[in-house]
């Protein structure tokens, strides 16, 4: 029932930021600002760590954005209520937000995923790794499929009803065309148009959103 070909757009930056770049968070925050400007806010940014979320939060707060920025923390219910009460705002989230939030309508019309949601290594994973003959087989059989499941769950925050429209920005350089996990990312998501143009993202919203969508929220 979901017309992903018309209602979704996948954005892959033409020049993705290397994950080990010394100025990674500065450039990531700037990239998020550009995308939020193209979408007129209405954005959910799903991080894979609290450290990354905090680093980007500091930089966005210093950037004087025209959209309120909320961060999921110790009081998620209060944060969600404030986010929903300020249409056009930006929500930074991680953890359970990948699978536990519901945003039908225009509230989330831009989903930004800075990094593919690979699980962090721990003792359980190290033990599980022993069951496979080599690291490559372990990645193929366990690590990548688990990442794909979580990526699908995150994508589900964007499209909740048949009339929802949303652009999804995948910023991880490992998911860029021709890179190691591009095909794994594509296989995890519904088939949809792909672009590397911010102008195409802007046009996507102009073609699909009503006039009320573009009114700036009250900052605060």
C-alpha atoms as a PDB file:
ATOM      1  CA  UNK A   1       0.000   0.000   0.000  1.00  0.00           C
ATOM      2  CA  UNK A   2       2.979   2.347   0.336  1.00  0.00           C
ATOM      3  CA  UNK A   3       4.000   4.204  -2.817  1.00  0.00           C
ATOM      4  CA  UNK A   4       7.688   4.579  -1.965  1.00  0.00           C
ATOM      5  CA  UNK A   5       8.564   5.521  -5.546  1.00  0.00           C
ATOM      6  CA  UNK A   6       6.499   8.705  -5.248  1.00  0.00           C
ATOM      7  CA  UNK A   7       6.485   9.373  -1.512  1.00  0.00           C
ATOM      8  CA  UNK A   8      10.165   8.754  -0.693  1.00  0.00           C
ATOM      9  CA  UNK A   9      13.522  10.044  -1.823  1.00  0.00           C
ATOM     10  CA  UNK A  10      16.917   8.689  -0.767  1.00  0.00           C
ATOM     11  CA  UNK A  11      19.685  11.282  -0.547  1.00  0.00           C
ATOM     12  CA  UNK A  12      23.331  10.190  -0.693  1.00  0.00           C
ATOM     13  CA  UNK A  13      25.816  13.078  -0.407  1.00  0.00           C
ATOM     14  CA  UNK A  14      28.108  13.358  -3.447  1.00  0.00           C
ATOM     15  CA  UNK A  15      31.100  13.950  -1.162  1.00  0.00           C
ATOM     16  CA  UNK A  16      30.457  12.000   2.072  1.00  0.00           C
ATOM     17  CA  UNK A  17      32.514  12.918   5.124  1.00  0.00           C
ATOM     18  CA  UNK A  18      35.175  10.358   6.118  1.00  0.00           C
ATOM     19  CA  UNK A  19      34.325   8.948   9.536  1.00  0.00           C
ATOM     20  CA  UNK A  20      37.874   9.553  10.737  1.00  0.00           C
ATOM     21  CA  UNK A  21      38.054  13.192   9.584  1.00  0.00           C
ATOM     22  CA  UNK A  22      39.446  15.481  12.285  1.00  0.00           C
ATOM     23  CA  UNK A  23      36.590  17.940  11.713  1.00  0.00           C
ATOM     24  CA  UNK A  24      33.959  15.238  11.265  1.00  0.00           C
ATOM     25  CA  UNK A  25      31.368  16.666  13.679  1.00  0.00           C
ATOM     26  CA  UNK A  26      31.764  20.213  12.358  1.00  0.00           C
ATOM     27  CA  UNK A  27      31.137  19.004   8.820  1.00  0.00           C
ATOM     28  CA  UNK A  28      28.344  16.651   9.873  1.00  0.00           C
ATOM     29  CA  UNK A  29      26.504  19.465  11.678  1.00  0.00           C
ATOM     30  CA  UNK A  30      26.891  21.667   8.594  1.00  0.00           C
ATOM     31  CA  UNK A  31      25.511  18.878   6.407  1.00  0.00           C
ATOM     32  CA  UNK A  32      22.522  18.465   8.736  1.00  0.00           C
ATOM     33  CA  UNK A  33      21.899  22.234   8.620  1.00  0.00           C
ATOM     34  CA  UNK A  34      21.866  22.149   4.809  1.00  0.00           C
ATOM     35  CA  UNK A  35      19.441  19.254   4.726  1.00  0.00           C
ATOM     36  CA  UNK A  36      17.176  20.863   7.344  1.00  0.00           C
ATOM     37  CA  UNK A  37      17.103  24.048   5.266  1.00  0.00           C
ATOM     38  CA  UNK A  38      16.091  22.014   2.204  1.00  0.00           C
ATOM     39  CA  UNK A  39      13.290  20.280   4.129  1.00  0.00           C
ATOM     40  CA  UNK A  40      12.210  23.345   6.142  1.00  0.00           C
ATOM     41  CA  UNK A  41      12.872  21.429   9.351  1.00  0.00           C
ATOM     42  CA  UNK A  42      10.472  18.576  10.139  1.00  0.00           C
ATOM     43  CA  UNK A  43      13.561  16.437  10.725  1.00  0.00           C
ATOM     44  CA  UNK A  44      14.544  13.429  12.802  1.00  0.00           C
ATOM     45  CA  UNK A  45      18.263  12.665  13.111  1.00  0.00           C
ATOM     46  CA  UNK A  46      18.936   9.103  14.288  1.00  0.00           C
ATOM     47  CA  UNK A  47      22.392   8.647  15.800  1.00  0.00           C
ATOM     48  CA  UNK A  48      24.142   5.428  16.757  1.00  0.00           C
ATOM     49  CA  UNK A  49      25.789   6.927  19.862  1.00  0.00           C
ATOM     50  CA  UNK A  50      25.095   9.523  22.532  1.00  0.00           C
ATOM     51  CA  UNK A  51      28.567  10.981  21.987  1.00  0.00           C
ATOM     52  CA  UNK A  52      27.810  11.810  18.351  1.00  0.00           C
ATOM     53  CA  UNK A  53      24.380  13.176  19.245  1.00  0.00           C
ATOM     54  CA  UNK A  54      25.845  15.468  21.916  1.00  0.00           C
ATOM     55  CA  UNK A  55      28.616  16.717  19.618  1.00  0.00           C
ATOM     56  CA  UNK A  56      26.162  17.618  16.863  1.00  0.00           C
ATOM     57  CA  UNK A  57      23.722  19.171  19.337  1.00  0.00           C
ATOM     58  CA  UNK A  58      26.377  21.621  20.544  1.00  0.00           C
ATOM     59  CA  UNK A  59      27.194  22.674  17.007  1.00  0.00           C
ATOM     60  CA  UNK A  60      23.582  23.073  15.909  1.00  0.00           C
ATOM     61  CA  UNK A  61      22.761  25.147  18.968  1.00  0.00           C
ATOM     62  CA  UNK A  62      25.614  27.480  18.094  1.00  0.00           C
ATOM     63  CA  UNK A  63      24.412  27.830  14.508  1.00  0.00           C
ATOM     64  CA  UNK A  64      21.263  29.909  15.171  1.00  0.00           C
ATOM     65  CA  UNK A  65      18.952  27.724  13.107  1.00  0.00           C
ATOM     66  CA  UNK A  66      15.450  28.981  12.270  1.00  0.00           C
ATOM     67  CA  UNK A  67      14.070  25.688  13.624  1.00  0.00           C
ATOM     68  CA  UNK A  68      13.908  24.604  17.283  1.00  0.00           C
ATOM     69  CA  UNK A  69      16.240  21.698  18.055  1.00  0.00           C
ATOM     70  CA  UNK A  70      15.214  19.062  20.618  1.00  0.00           C
ATOM     71  CA  UNK A  71      17.361  16.249  21.990  1.00  0.00           C
ATOM     72  CA  UNK A  72      16.061  12.987  23.419  1.00  0.00           C
ATOM     73  CA  UNK A  73      17.429  12.593  26.916  1.00  0.00           C
ATOM     74  CA  UNK A  74      16.296  11.483  30.346  1.00  0.00           C
ATOM     75  CA  UNK A  75      12.733  12.733  29.836  1.00  0.00           C
ATOM     76  CA  UNK A  76      11.779  11.433  26.401  1.00  0.00           C
ATOM     77  CA  UNK A  77       8.027  11.893  26.848  1.00  0.00           C
ATOM     78  CA  UNK A  78       8.461  15.602  27.574  1.00  0.00           C
ATOM     79  CA  UNK A  79      10.875  16.025  24.660  1.00  0.00           C
ATOM     80  CA  UNK A  80       8.525  14.285  22.238  1.00  0.00           C
ATOM     81  CA  UNK A  81       5.607  16.421  23.378  1.00  0.00           C
ATOM     82  CA  UNK A  82       7.631  19.592  22.792  1.00  0.00           C
ATOM     83  CA  UNK A  83       8.808  18.365  19.389  1.00  0.00           C
ATOM     84  CA  UNK A  84       5.278  17.523  18.261  1.00  0.00           C
ATOM     85  CA  UNK A  85       4.011  20.875  19.531  1.00  0.00           C
ATOM     86  CA  UNK A  86       6.513  22.739  17.336  1.00  0.00           C
ATOM     87  CA  UNK A  87       5.902  21.605  13.729  1.00  0.00           C
ATOM     88  CA  UNK A  88       8.989  22.148  11.621  1.00  0.00           C
ATOM     89  CA  UNK A  89      11.448  21.506  14.419  1.00  0.00           C
ATOM     90  CA  UNK A  90      14.385  19.069  14.537  1.00  0.00           C
ATOM     91  CA  UNK A  91      14.704  16.085  16.859  1.00  0.00           C
ATOM     92  CA  UNK A  92      18.041  14.448  17.671  1.00  0.00           C
ATOM     93  CA  UNK A  93      17.629  10.914  19.000  1.00  0.00           C
ATOM     94  CA  UNK A  94      19.336   7.570  19.497  1.00  0.00           C
ATOM     95  CA  UNK A  95      18.887   4.305  21.375  1.00  0.00           C
ATOM     96  CA  UNK A  96      15.295   3.082  21.524  1.00  0.00           C
ATOM     97  CA  UNK A  97      14.236   5.866  19.135  1.00  0.00           C
ATOM     98  CA  UNK A  98      15.318   3.634  16.236  1.00  0.00           C
ATOM     99  CA  UNK A  99      12.257   1.448  16.715  1.00  0.00           C
ATOM    100  CA  UNK A 100       9.965   2.969  19.325  1.00  0.00           C
ATOM    101  CA  UNK A 101       8.730   6.287  17.944  1.00  0.00           C
ATOM    102  CA  UNK A 102       5.721   6.974  15.729  1.00  0.00           C
ATOM    103  CA  UNK A 103       5.565  10.135  13.602  1.00  0.00           C
ATOM    104  CA  UNK A 104       2.659   9.987  11.185  1.00  0.00           C
ATOM    105  CA  UNK A 105       2.039  13.029   9.005  1.00  0.00           C
ATOM    106  CA  UNK A 106       4.474  15.878   8.301  1.00  0.00           C
ATOM    107  CA  UNK A 107       6.141  15.903  11.734  1.00  0.00           C
ATOM    108  CA  UNK A 108       9.064  13.904  10.362  1.00  0.00           C
ATOM    109  CA  UNK A 109       9.482  14.582   6.656  1.00  0.00           C
ATOM    110  CA  UNK A 110      13.259  14.283   6.703  1.00  0.00           C
ATOM    111  CA  UNK A 111      15.062  11.342   8.267  1.00  0.00           C
ATOM    112  CA  UNK A 112      18.834  11.751   8.617  1.00  0.00           C
ATOM    113  CA  UNK A 113      21.044   8.766   9.449  1.00  0.00           C
ATOM    114  CA  UNK A 114      24.675   9.845   9.966  1.00  0.00           C
ATOM    115  CA  UNK A 115      26.036   6.290  10.359  1.00  0.00           C
ATOM    116  CA  UNK A 116      24.854   2.810   9.500  1.00  0.00           C
ATOM    117  CA  UNK A 117      23.506   1.212  12.710  1.00  0.00           C
ATOM    118  CA  UNK A 118      26.104  -1.480  13.243  1.00  0.00           C
ATOM    119  CA  UNK A 119      26.115  -3.027  16.713  1.00  0.00           C
ATOM    120  CA  UNK A 120      29.062  -2.096  18.904  1.00  0.00           C
ATOM    121  CA  UNK A 121      31.411  -5.009  19.714  1.00  0.00           C
ATOM    122  CA  UNK A 122      30.903  -6.540  23.155  1.00  0.00           C
ATOM    123  CA  UNK A 123      31.633  -9.790  24.981  1.00  0.00           C
ATOM    124  CA  UNK A 124      28.544 -11.488  23.553  1.00  0.00           C
ATOM    125  CA  UNK A 125      29.523 -10.594  19.996  1.00  0.00           C
ATOM    126  CA  UNK A 126      33.092 -11.739  20.575  1.00  0.00           C
ATOM    127  CA  UNK A 127      31.796 -15.096  21.773  1.00  0.00           C
ATOM    128  CA  UNK A 128      29.453 -15.360  18.800  1.00  0.00           C
ATOM    129  CA  UNK A 129      32.347 -14.578  16.468  1.00  0.00           C
ATOM    130  CA  UNK A 130      34.031 -17.829  17.565  1.00  0.00           C
ATOM    131  CA  UNK A 131      31.305 -19.846  15.818  1.00  0.00           C
ATOM    132  CA  UNK A 132      32.446 -18.651  12.373  1.00  0.00           C
ATOM    133  CA  UNK A 133      35.569 -19.657  10.448  1.00  0.00           C
ATOM    134  CA  UNK A 134      36.670 -16.076   9.762  1.00  0.00           C
ATOM    135  CA  UNK A 135      35.705 -12.442  10.257  1.00  0.00           C
ATOM    136  CA  UNK A 136      34.319 -12.068   6.737  1.00  0.00           C
ATOM    137  CA  UNK A 137      31.825 -14.883   7.264  1.00  0.00           C
ATOM    138  CA  UNK A 138      30.823 -13.475  10.644  1.00  0.00           C
ATOM    139  CA  UNK A 139      30.169 -10.071   9.098  1.00  0.00           C
ATOM    140  CA  UNK A 140      28.165 -11.571   6.224  1.00  0.00           C
ATOM    141  CA  UNK A 141      26.093 -13.899   8.395  1.00  0.00           C
ATOM    142  CA  UNK A 142      25.535 -11.860  11.552  1.00  0.00           C
ATOM    143  CA  UNK A 143      26.769  -8.274  11.625  1.00  0.00           C
ATOM    144  CA  UNK A 144      25.371  -7.018   8.307  1.00  0.00           C
ATOM    145  CA  UNK A 145      21.928  -8.700   8.653  1.00  0.00           C
ATOM    146  CA  UNK A 146      21.550  -7.208  12.148  1.00  0.00           C
ATOM    147  CA  UNK A 147      22.464  -3.784  10.798  1.00  0.00           C
ATOM    148  CA  UNK A 148      19.904  -4.158   8.009  1.00  0.00           C
ATOM    149  CA  UNK A 149      17.154  -5.022  10.477  1.00  0.00           C
ATOM    150  CA  UNK A 150      17.895  -1.946  12.564  1.00  0.00           C
ATOM    151  CA  UNK A 151      18.123   0.222   9.452  1.00  0.00           C
ATOM    152  CA  UNK A 152      14.649  -0.954   8.391  1.00  0.00           C
ATOM    153  CA  UNK A 153      13.360  -0.123  11.858  1.00  0.00           C
ATOM    154  CA  UNK A 154      14.852   3.354  11.639  1.00  0.00           C
ATOM    155  CA  UNK A 155      13.378   3.889   8.188  1.00  0.00           C
ATOM    156  CA  UNK A 156       9.991   3.035   9.675  1.00  0.00           C
ATOM    157  CA  UNK A 157      10.102   6.290  11.639  1.00  0.00           C
ATOM    158  CA  UNK A 158       9.795   8.143   8.317  1.00  0.00           C
ATOM    159  CA  UNK A 159       6.832   6.518   6.587  1.00  0.00           C
ATOM    160  CA  UNK A 160       3.953   5.477   8.866  1.00  0.00           C
ATOM    161  CA  UNK A 161       0.883   5.924   6.656  1.00  0.00           C
ATOM    162  CA  UNK A 162       0.088   5.704   2.940  1.00  0.00           C
ATOM    163  CA  UNK A 163       0.035   9.499   2.630  1.00  0.00           C
ATOM    164  CA  UNK A 164       3.325  10.248   4.428  1.00  0.00           C
ATOM    165  CA  UNK A 165       6.132  11.708   2.313  1.00  0.00           C
ATOM    166  CA  UNK A 166       9.735  11.791   3.469  1.00  0.00           C
ATOM    167  CA  UNK A 167      13.293  12.177   2.235  1.00  0.00           C
ATOM    168  CA  UNK A 168      15.892   9.915   3.844  1.00  0.00           C
ATOM    169  CA  UNK A 169      19.496  11.113   4.004  1.00  0.00           C
ATOM    170  CA  UNK A 170      22.111   8.406   4.466  1.00  0.00           C
ATOM    171  CA  UNK A 171      25.358  10.205   5.272  1.00  0.00           C
ATOM    172  CA  UNK A 172      27.654   7.270   6.104  1.00  0.00           C
ATOM    173  CA  UNK A 173      30.459   7.141   3.498  1.00  0.00           C
ATOM    174  CA  UNK A 174      30.430   3.325   3.720  1.00  0.00           C
ATOM    175  CA  UNK A 175      26.950   3.427   2.145  1.00  0.00           C
ATOM    176  CA  UNK A 176      27.964   5.643  -0.781  1.00  0.00           C
ATOM    177  CA  UNK A 177      27.684   4.294  -4.327  1.00  0.00           C
ATOM    178  CA  UNK A 178      30.450   1.825  -5.035  1.00  0.00           C
ATOM    179  CA  UNK A 179      31.433   1.533  -1.371  1.00  0.00           C
ATOM    180  CA  UNK A 180      31.455  -1.553   0.809  1.00  0.00           C
ATOM    181  CA  UNK A 181      27.951  -1.387   2.275  1.00  0.00           C
ATOM    182  CA  UNK A 182      26.019   0.396  -0.470  1.00  0.00           C
ATOM    183  CA  UNK A 183      24.334  -2.794  -1.670  1.00  0.00           C
ATOM    184  CA  UNK A 184      23.519  -3.922   1.879  1.00  0.00           C
ATOM    185  CA  UNK A 185      21.889  -0.551   2.544  1.00  0.00           C
ATOM    186  CA  UNK A 186      19.868  -0.666  -0.692  1.00  0.00           C
ATOM    187  CA  UNK A 187      18.670  -4.199   0.049  1.00  0.00           C
ATOM    188  CA  UNK A 188      17.454  -3.120   3.510  1.00  0.00           C
ATOM    189  CA  UNK A 189      15.297  -0.241   2.259  1.00  0.00           C
ATOM    190  CA  UNK A 190      12.254  -0.096  -0.023  1.00  0.00           C
ATOM    191  CA  UNK A 191      12.974   0.748  -3.651  1.00  0.00           C
ATOM    192  CA  UNK A 192      12.841   4.512  -4.121  1.00  0.00           C
ATOM    193  CA  UNK A 193      14.464   7.257  -6.227  1.00  0.00           C
ATOM    194  CA  UNK A 194      18.038   8.167  -5.263  1.00  0.00           C
ATOM    195  CA  UNK A 195      19.688  11.579  -5.587  1.00  0.00           C
ATOM    196  CA  UNK A 196      22.864  13.365  -4.620  1.00  0.00           C
ATOM    197  CA  UNK A 197      21.387  16.815  -5.227  1.00  0.00           C
ATOM    198  CA  UNK A 198      20.112  19.115  -2.493  1.00  0.00           C
ATOM    199  CA  UNK A 199      18.092  20.937  -5.155  1.00  0.00           C
ATOM    200  CA  UNK A 200      16.308  17.679  -5.917  1.00  0.00           C
ATOM    201  CA  UNK A 201      15.541  17.335  -2.206  1.00  0.00           C
ATOM    202  CA  UNK A 202      14.090  20.856  -2.124  1.00  0.00           C
ATOM    203  CA  UNK A 203      11.995  20.119  -5.213  1.00  0.00           C
ATOM    204  CA  UNK A 204      10.736  16.913  -3.607  1.00  0.00           C
ATOM    205  CA  UNK A 205       9.117  18.972  -0.827  1.00  0.00           C
ATOM    206  CA  UNK A 206       7.788  21.675  -3.136  1.00  0.00           C
ATOM    207  CA  UNK A 207       6.050  19.021  -5.205  1.00  0.00           C
ATOM    208  CA  UNK A 208       4.485  17.164  -2.275  1.00  0.00           C
ATOM    209  CA  UNK A 209       3.805  19.551   0.604  1.00  0.00           C
ATOM    210  CA  UNK A 210       1.084  22.136   1.114  1.00  0.00           C
ATOM    211  CA  UNK A 211       1.679  25.808   1.908  1.00  0.00           C
ATOM    212  CA  UNK A 212       1.261  25.279   5.656  1.00  0.00           C
ATOM    213  CA  UNK A 213       4.248  22.956   5.725  1.00  0.00           C
ATOM    214  CA  UNK A 214       6.646  25.781   4.835  1.00  0.00           C
ATOM    215  CA  UNK A 215       5.675  28.185   7.629  1.00  0.00           C
ATOM    216  CA  UNK A 216       8.509  28.582  10.105  1.00  0.00           C
ATOM    217  CA  UNK A 217       7.765  27.362  13.646  1.00  0.00           C
ATOM    218  CA  UNK A 218       8.072  29.662  16.621  1.00  0.00           C
ATOM    219  CA  UNK A 219      11.618  29.260  17.889  1.00  0.00           C
ATOM    220  CA  UNK A 220      12.042  28.654  21.569  1.00  0.00           C
END
